[in-house]
């Protein structure tokens, strides 16, 4: 699956290895072009695959993103899902304005790259 990434996005302590890391976060909003964004960048909407299909009227979106431990010595390095992988990517006025940890309740199911809120 293709996705975009925002860098650097999130500082966290890996629950498996205890390392403090800064990670990029993968997300699927705008033109899904494997584009690397920085915080405050404006989303691109021209491309073969856009998610949602067109830019929301106000350009505000909250979507689930994913990140993992980038420490190759970590036992979870290749498969740390779901312990450290959920994030909330916040887009306001078509710009990436925030990324924060997103705790999914144990009894909840979240669709892959789910759009939580859109306006």
N, C-alpha and C. Protein backbone atom coordinates (compact mmCIF):
# COMPACT_ATOMS: atom_id res chain seq x y z
N UNK A 1 0.83 -1.18 0.00
CA UNK A 1 0.00 0.00 0.00
C UNK A 1 0.88 1.24 0.00
N UNK A 2 0.50 2.21 -0.80
CA UNK A 2 1.20 3.49 -0.82
C UNK A 2 0.71 4.38 0.33
N UNK A 3 1.59 5.25 0.80
CA UNK A 3 1.23 6.24 1.81
C UNK A 3 2.22 7.37 1.73
N UNK A 4 1.86 8.50 2.30
CA UNK A 4 2.74 9.65 2.45
C UNK A 4 3.35 9.59 3.85
N UNK A 5 4.40 10.38 4.07
CA UNK A 5 5.03 10.42 5.38
C UNK A 5 5.30 11.87 5.78
N UNK A 6 5.06 12.18 7.04
CA UNK A 6 5.42 13.49 7.58
C UNK A 6 6.62 13.29 8.51
N UNK A 7 7.67 14.12 8.34
CA UNK A 7 8.93 14.02 9.11
C UNK A 7 9.25 15.37 9.73
N UNK A 8 10.06 15.45 10.77
CA UNK A 8 9.91 14.54 11.89
C UNK A 8 8.56 14.83 12.51
N UNK A 9 7.95 13.84 13.04
CA UNK A 9 6.58 14.04 13.48
C UNK A 9 6.35 13.76 14.95
N UNK A 10 6.96 12.74 15.46
CA UNK A 10 6.56 12.29 16.79
C UNK A 10 7.75 11.81 17.59
N UNK A 11 7.89 12.32 18.80
CA UNK A 11 8.89 11.80 19.73
C UNK A 11 8.20 10.81 20.65
N UNK A 12 8.83 9.66 20.86
CA UNK A 12 8.22 8.65 21.71
C UNK A 12 9.30 7.77 22.32
N UNK A 13 8.94 7.05 23.36
CA UNK A 13 9.81 6.05 23.95
C UNK A 13 9.22 4.70 23.59
N UNK A 14 10.03 3.89 22.92
CA UNK A 14 9.56 2.56 22.50
C UNK A 14 9.29 1.70 23.73
N UNK A 15 8.11 1.11 23.82
CA UNK A 15 7.81 0.27 24.98
C UNK A 15 8.58 -1.05 24.98
N UNK A 16 9.17 -1.40 23.85
CA UNK A 16 9.91 -2.67 23.77
C UNK A 16 11.38 -2.52 24.13
N UNK A 17 12.04 -1.46 23.61
CA UNK A 17 13.48 -1.32 23.85
C UNK A 17 13.83 -0.16 24.76
N UNK A 18 12.88 0.75 25.02
CA UNK A 18 13.12 1.88 25.90
C UNK A 18 13.85 3.06 25.28
N UNK A 19 14.18 2.97 23.98
CA UNK A 19 14.88 4.06 23.30
C UNK A 19 13.94 5.24 23.07
N UNK A 20 14.47 6.46 23.25
CA UNK A 20 13.72 7.67 22.91
C UNK A 20 14.02 7.97 21.44
N UNK A 21 12.98 8.05 20.64
CA UNK A 21 13.14 8.19 19.20
C UNK A 21 12.26 9.29 18.64
N UNK A 22 12.63 9.78 17.47
CA UNK A 22 11.78 10.67 16.70
C UNK A 22 11.48 9.93 15.41
N UNK A 23 10.21 9.83 15.08
CA UNK A 23 9.81 9.02 13.95
C UNK A 23 8.98 9.81 12.97
N UNK A 24 9.09 9.48 11.71
CA UNK A 24 8.14 9.93 10.72
C UNK A 24 6.86 9.14 10.88
N UNK A 25 5.74 9.68 10.39
CA UNK A 25 4.46 9.01 10.50
C UNK A 25 3.86 8.87 9.11
N UNK A 26 3.48 7.66 8.76
CA UNK A 26 2.84 7.38 7.47
C UNK A 26 1.35 7.65 7.56
N UNK A 27 0.79 8.26 6.49
CA UNK A 27 -0.64 8.55 6.46
C UNK A 27 -1.12 8.57 5.02
N UNK A 28 -2.44 8.47 4.82
CA UNK A 28 -3.03 8.44 3.48
C UNK A 28 -4.08 9.53 3.34
N UNK A 29 -3.66 10.75 3.07
CA UNK A 29 -4.55 11.87 2.81
C UNK A 29 -3.93 12.70 1.70
N UNK A 30 -4.77 13.28 0.85
CA UNK A 30 -4.28 14.04 -0.30
C UNK A 30 -3.90 13.07 -1.40
N UNK A 31 -3.04 13.52 -2.31
CA UNK A 31 -2.54 12.63 -3.35
C UNK A 31 -1.57 11.66 -2.69
N UNK A 32 -1.84 10.37 -2.80
CA UNK A 32 -1.02 9.36 -2.15
C UNK A 32 0.11 9.00 -3.11
N UNK A 33 1.22 9.73 -2.96
CA UNK A 33 2.34 9.66 -3.91
C UNK A 33 3.65 9.23 -3.26
N UNK A 34 3.58 8.69 -2.03
CA UNK A 34 4.80 8.41 -1.26
C UNK A 34 5.60 9.70 -1.08
N UNK A 35 4.87 10.78 -0.88
CA UNK A 35 5.47 12.09 -0.71
C UNK A 35 5.96 12.26 0.72
N UNK A 36 7.09 12.91 0.88
CA UNK A 36 7.63 13.23 2.21
C UNK A 36 7.31 14.68 2.53
N UNK A 37 6.50 14.87 3.56
CA UNK A 37 6.11 16.19 4.00
C UNK A 37 6.87 16.57 5.26
N UNK A 38 6.93 17.86 5.53
CA UNK A 38 7.39 18.41 6.79
C UNK A 38 6.17 19.01 7.48
N UNK A 39 6.25 19.24 8.79
CA UNK A 39 5.17 19.91 9.50
C UNK A 39 4.92 21.27 8.85
N UNK A 40 3.67 21.67 8.74
CA UNK A 40 3.18 22.92 8.15
C UNK A 40 3.15 22.90 6.62
N UNK A 41 3.60 21.82 5.98
CA UNK A 41 3.50 21.72 4.52
C UNK A 41 2.05 21.63 4.08
N UNK A 42 1.78 22.14 2.90
CA UNK A 42 0.44 22.06 2.32
C UNK A 42 0.32 20.74 1.56
N UNK A 43 -0.82 20.08 1.72
CA UNK A 43 -1.04 18.81 1.03
C UNK A 43 -1.21 19.01 -0.47
N UNK A 44 -0.74 18.05 -1.23
CA UNK A 44 -0.89 18.02 -2.68
C UNK A 44 -2.15 17.22 -3.00
N UNK A 45 -2.96 17.69 -3.95
CA UNK A 45 -4.20 17.00 -4.33
C UNK A 45 -4.23 16.62 -5.81
N UNK A 46 -3.13 16.73 -6.51
CA UNK A 46 -3.08 16.31 -7.90
C UNK A 46 -2.32 15.00 -7.99
N UNK A 47 -2.97 13.98 -8.53
CA UNK A 47 -2.34 12.67 -8.67
C UNK A 47 -3.38 11.63 -8.99
N UNK A 48 -2.91 10.45 -9.30
CA UNK A 48 -3.80 9.37 -9.71
C UNK A 48 -4.73 8.92 -8.58
N UNK A 49 -4.20 8.85 -7.36
CA UNK A 49 -5.00 8.37 -6.22
C UNK A 49 -5.05 9.45 -5.14
N UNK A 50 -6.23 10.00 -4.90
CA UNK A 50 -6.40 10.97 -3.82
C UNK A 50 -7.33 10.38 -2.78
N UNK A 51 -7.05 10.69 -1.53
CA UNK A 51 -7.86 10.19 -0.43
C UNK A 51 -8.14 11.31 0.53
N UNK A 52 -9.38 11.72 0.77
CA UNK A 52 -10.57 11.34 0.02
C UNK A 52 -10.43 11.78 -1.45
N UNK A 53 -11.42 11.50 -2.26
CA UNK A 53 -11.30 11.74 -3.70
C UNK A 53 -11.09 13.21 -4.04
N UNK A 54 -11.56 14.11 -3.19
CA UNK A 54 -11.33 15.54 -3.43
C UNK A 54 -11.03 16.22 -2.09
N UNK A 55 -10.40 17.37 -2.18
CA UNK A 55 -10.04 18.12 -0.98
C UNK A 55 -11.29 18.58 -0.25
N UNK A 56 -11.37 18.34 1.06
CA UNK A 56 -12.52 18.83 1.83
C UNK A 56 -12.64 20.35 1.72
N UNK A 57 -13.85 20.85 1.77
CA UNK A 57 -14.14 22.27 1.58
C UNK A 57 -13.28 23.16 2.49
N UNK A 58 -13.20 22.83 3.76
CA UNK A 58 -12.41 23.64 4.70
C UNK A 58 -10.96 23.17 4.80
N UNK A 59 -10.65 22.00 4.24
CA UNK A 59 -9.29 21.48 4.29
C UNK A 59 -8.89 20.96 5.65
N UNK A 60 -9.87 20.55 6.48
CA UNK A 60 -9.58 20.04 7.82
C UNK A 60 -9.83 18.53 7.86
N UNK A 61 -8.83 17.80 8.30
CA UNK A 61 -8.92 16.34 8.37
C UNK A 61 -8.14 15.86 9.59
N UNK A 62 -8.67 14.83 10.24
CA UNK A 62 -7.92 14.09 11.25
C UNK A 62 -7.93 12.65 10.77
N UNK A 63 -6.76 12.06 10.68
CA UNK A 63 -6.65 10.71 10.15
C UNK A 63 -5.67 9.87 10.96
N UNK A 64 -5.85 8.58 10.95
CA UNK A 64 -4.95 7.66 11.63
C UNK A 64 -3.69 7.52 10.78
N UNK A 65 -2.54 7.65 11.44
CA UNK A 65 -1.25 7.42 10.82
C UNK A 65 -0.53 6.33 11.60
N UNK A 66 0.61 5.91 11.09
CA UNK A 66 1.34 4.81 11.71
C UNK A 66 2.83 5.13 11.79
N UNK A 67 3.45 4.67 12.87
CA UNK A 67 4.89 4.81 13.03
C UNK A 67 5.40 3.60 13.78
N UNK A 68 6.71 3.39 13.71
CA UNK A 68 7.27 2.26 14.45
C UNK A 68 8.65 2.62 14.97
N UNK A 69 9.20 1.74 15.75
CA UNK A 69 10.52 1.93 16.32
C UNK A 69 11.57 1.80 15.22
N UNK A 70 12.43 2.80 15.10
CA UNK A 70 13.47 2.79 14.07
C UNK A 70 14.81 2.25 14.60
N UNK A 71 14.81 1.69 15.79
CA UNK A 71 16.03 1.14 16.38
C UNK A 71 16.20 -0.31 15.91
N UNK A 72 17.17 -0.59 15.02
CA UNK A 72 17.33 -1.96 14.52
C UNK A 72 17.68 -2.98 15.60
N UNK A 73 18.14 -2.53 16.78
CA UNK A 73 18.43 -3.46 17.87
C UNK A 73 17.18 -3.84 18.66
N UNK A 74 16.06 -3.19 18.37
CA UNK A 74 14.82 -3.46 19.09
C UNK A 74 14.21 -4.77 18.63
N UNK A 75 13.71 -5.55 19.58
CA UNK A 75 13.08 -6.82 19.23
C UNK A 75 11.81 -6.63 18.41
N UNK A 76 11.23 -5.43 18.47
CA UNK A 76 9.99 -5.17 17.73
C UNK A 76 10.24 -4.45 16.41
N UNK A 77 11.50 -4.26 16.02
CA UNK A 77 11.84 -3.40 14.90
C UNK A 77 11.05 -3.72 13.63
N UNK A 78 10.87 -4.96 13.32
CA UNK A 78 10.15 -5.30 12.09
C UNK A 78 8.67 -5.52 12.30
N UNK A 79 8.23 -5.64 13.55
CA UNK A 79 6.81 -5.89 13.78
C UNK A 79 6.40 -5.39 15.16
N UNK A 80 6.27 -4.07 15.29
CA UNK A 80 5.91 -3.53 16.60
C UNK A 80 4.42 -3.16 16.65
N UNK A 81 3.66 -3.49 15.63
CA UNK A 81 2.23 -3.19 15.58
C UNK A 81 1.51 -4.04 16.59
N UNK A 82 0.62 -3.62 17.42
CA UNK A 82 0.11 -2.25 17.49
C UNK A 82 0.69 -1.44 18.65
N UNK A 83 1.69 -1.94 19.35
CA UNK A 83 2.15 -1.26 20.57
C UNK A 83 2.53 0.21 20.36
N UNK A 84 3.21 0.55 19.32
CA UNK A 84 3.68 1.92 19.16
C UNK A 84 3.29 2.54 17.83
N UNK A 85 2.35 1.98 17.14
CA UNK A 85 2.18 2.42 15.77
C UNK A 85 1.04 3.37 15.46
N UNK A 86 0.15 3.65 16.33
CA UNK A 86 -0.96 4.55 15.99
C UNK A 86 -0.64 6.00 16.31
N UNK A 87 -0.98 6.90 15.37
CA UNK A 87 -0.83 8.34 15.58
C UNK A 87 -2.04 9.01 14.95
N UNK A 88 -2.28 10.23 15.36
CA UNK A 88 -3.34 11.04 14.76
C UNK A 88 -2.65 12.18 14.02
N UNK A 89 -2.89 12.25 12.70
CA UNK A 89 -2.32 13.30 11.86
C UNK A 89 -3.42 14.36 11.69
N UNK A 90 -3.08 15.60 12.04
CA UNK A 90 -4.07 16.68 12.03
C UNK A 90 -3.74 17.65 10.89
N UNK A 91 -4.74 17.87 10.02
CA UNK A 91 -4.60 18.79 8.89
C UNK A 91 -5.61 19.90 9.08
N UNK A 92 -5.14 21.14 9.07
CA UNK A 92 -6.01 22.31 9.20
C UNK A 92 -5.70 23.25 8.05
N UNK A 93 -6.77 23.70 7.37
CA UNK A 93 -6.62 24.59 6.23
C UNK A 93 -5.63 24.00 5.22
N UNK A 94 -5.72 22.68 5.02
CA UNK A 94 -4.93 21.91 4.06
C UNK A 94 -3.43 21.85 4.39
N UNK A 95 -3.05 22.14 5.64
CA UNK A 95 -1.65 22.04 6.07
C UNK A 95 -1.54 21.08 7.25
N UNK A 96 -0.47 20.32 7.28
CA UNK A 96 -0.23 19.41 8.40
C UNK A 96 0.18 20.25 9.60
N UNK A 97 -0.68 20.27 10.61
CA UNK A 97 -0.43 21.13 11.77
C UNK A 97 -0.06 20.37 13.03
N UNK A 98 -0.27 19.08 13.06
CA UNK A 98 0.07 18.35 14.26
C UNK A 98 0.05 16.84 14.06
N UNK A 99 0.80 16.18 14.89
CA UNK A 99 0.80 14.72 14.96
C UNK A 99 0.91 14.38 16.43
N UNK A 100 0.05 13.48 16.88
CA UNK A 100 0.09 13.10 18.29
C UNK A 100 -0.19 11.61 18.43
N UNK A 101 0.26 11.06 19.53
CA UNK A 101 -0.03 9.64 19.79
C UNK A 101 -1.53 9.43 19.81
N UNK A 102 -1.94 8.28 19.36
CA UNK A 102 -3.36 7.97 19.28
C UNK A 102 -3.57 6.61 19.92
N UNK A 103 -4.13 6.61 21.12
CA UNK A 103 -4.38 5.37 21.84
C UNK A 103 -5.71 4.79 21.39
N UNK A 104 -5.67 3.63 20.80
CA UNK A 104 -6.89 2.96 20.36
C UNK A 104 -7.37 2.07 21.50
N UNK A 105 -8.62 2.23 21.92
CA UNK A 105 -9.14 1.36 22.98
C UNK A 105 -9.00 -0.11 22.58
N UNK A 106 -8.70 -0.95 23.55
CA UNK A 106 -8.46 -2.37 23.28
C UNK A 106 -9.65 -3.05 22.59
N UNK A 107 -10.86 -2.58 22.85
CA UNK A 107 -12.03 -3.23 22.27
C UNK A 107 -12.48 -2.57 20.96
N UNK A 108 -11.69 -1.63 20.42
CA UNK A 108 -12.08 -0.93 19.20
C UNK A 108 -11.32 -1.47 17.99
N UNK A 109 -11.99 -1.42 16.86
CA UNK A 109 -11.33 -1.75 15.60
C UNK A 109 -11.26 -0.47 14.77
N UNK A 110 -10.08 -0.17 14.26
CA UNK A 110 -9.90 1.03 13.45
C UNK A 110 -9.46 0.59 12.06
N UNK A 111 -10.20 1.04 11.05
CA UNK A 111 -9.84 0.71 9.68
C UNK A 111 -8.47 1.28 9.35
N UNK A 112 -7.74 0.60 8.49
CA UNK A 112 -6.41 1.04 8.10
C UNK A 112 -6.44 2.46 7.52
N UNK A 113 -5.61 3.35 8.05
CA UNK A 113 -5.54 4.75 7.63
C UNK A 113 -6.90 5.43 7.69
N UNK A 114 -7.68 5.12 8.69
CA UNK A 114 -9.04 5.67 8.83
C UNK A 114 -9.03 7.19 8.92
N UNK A 115 -10.00 7.82 8.27
CA UNK A 115 -10.22 9.25 8.43
C UNK A 115 -11.20 9.40 9.58
N UNK A 116 -10.76 10.05 10.65
CA UNK A 116 -11.54 10.17 11.88
C UNK A 116 -12.52 11.33 11.79
N UNK A 117 -12.09 12.44 11.19
CA UNK A 117 -12.91 13.65 11.13
C UNK A 117 -12.56 14.41 9.86
N UNK A 118 -13.57 15.01 9.21
CA UNK A 118 -13.31 15.75 7.98
C UNK A 118 -14.28 16.92 7.88
N UNK A 119 -13.76 18.11 7.52
CA UNK A 119 -14.60 19.29 7.32
C UNK A 119 -14.04 20.15 6.22
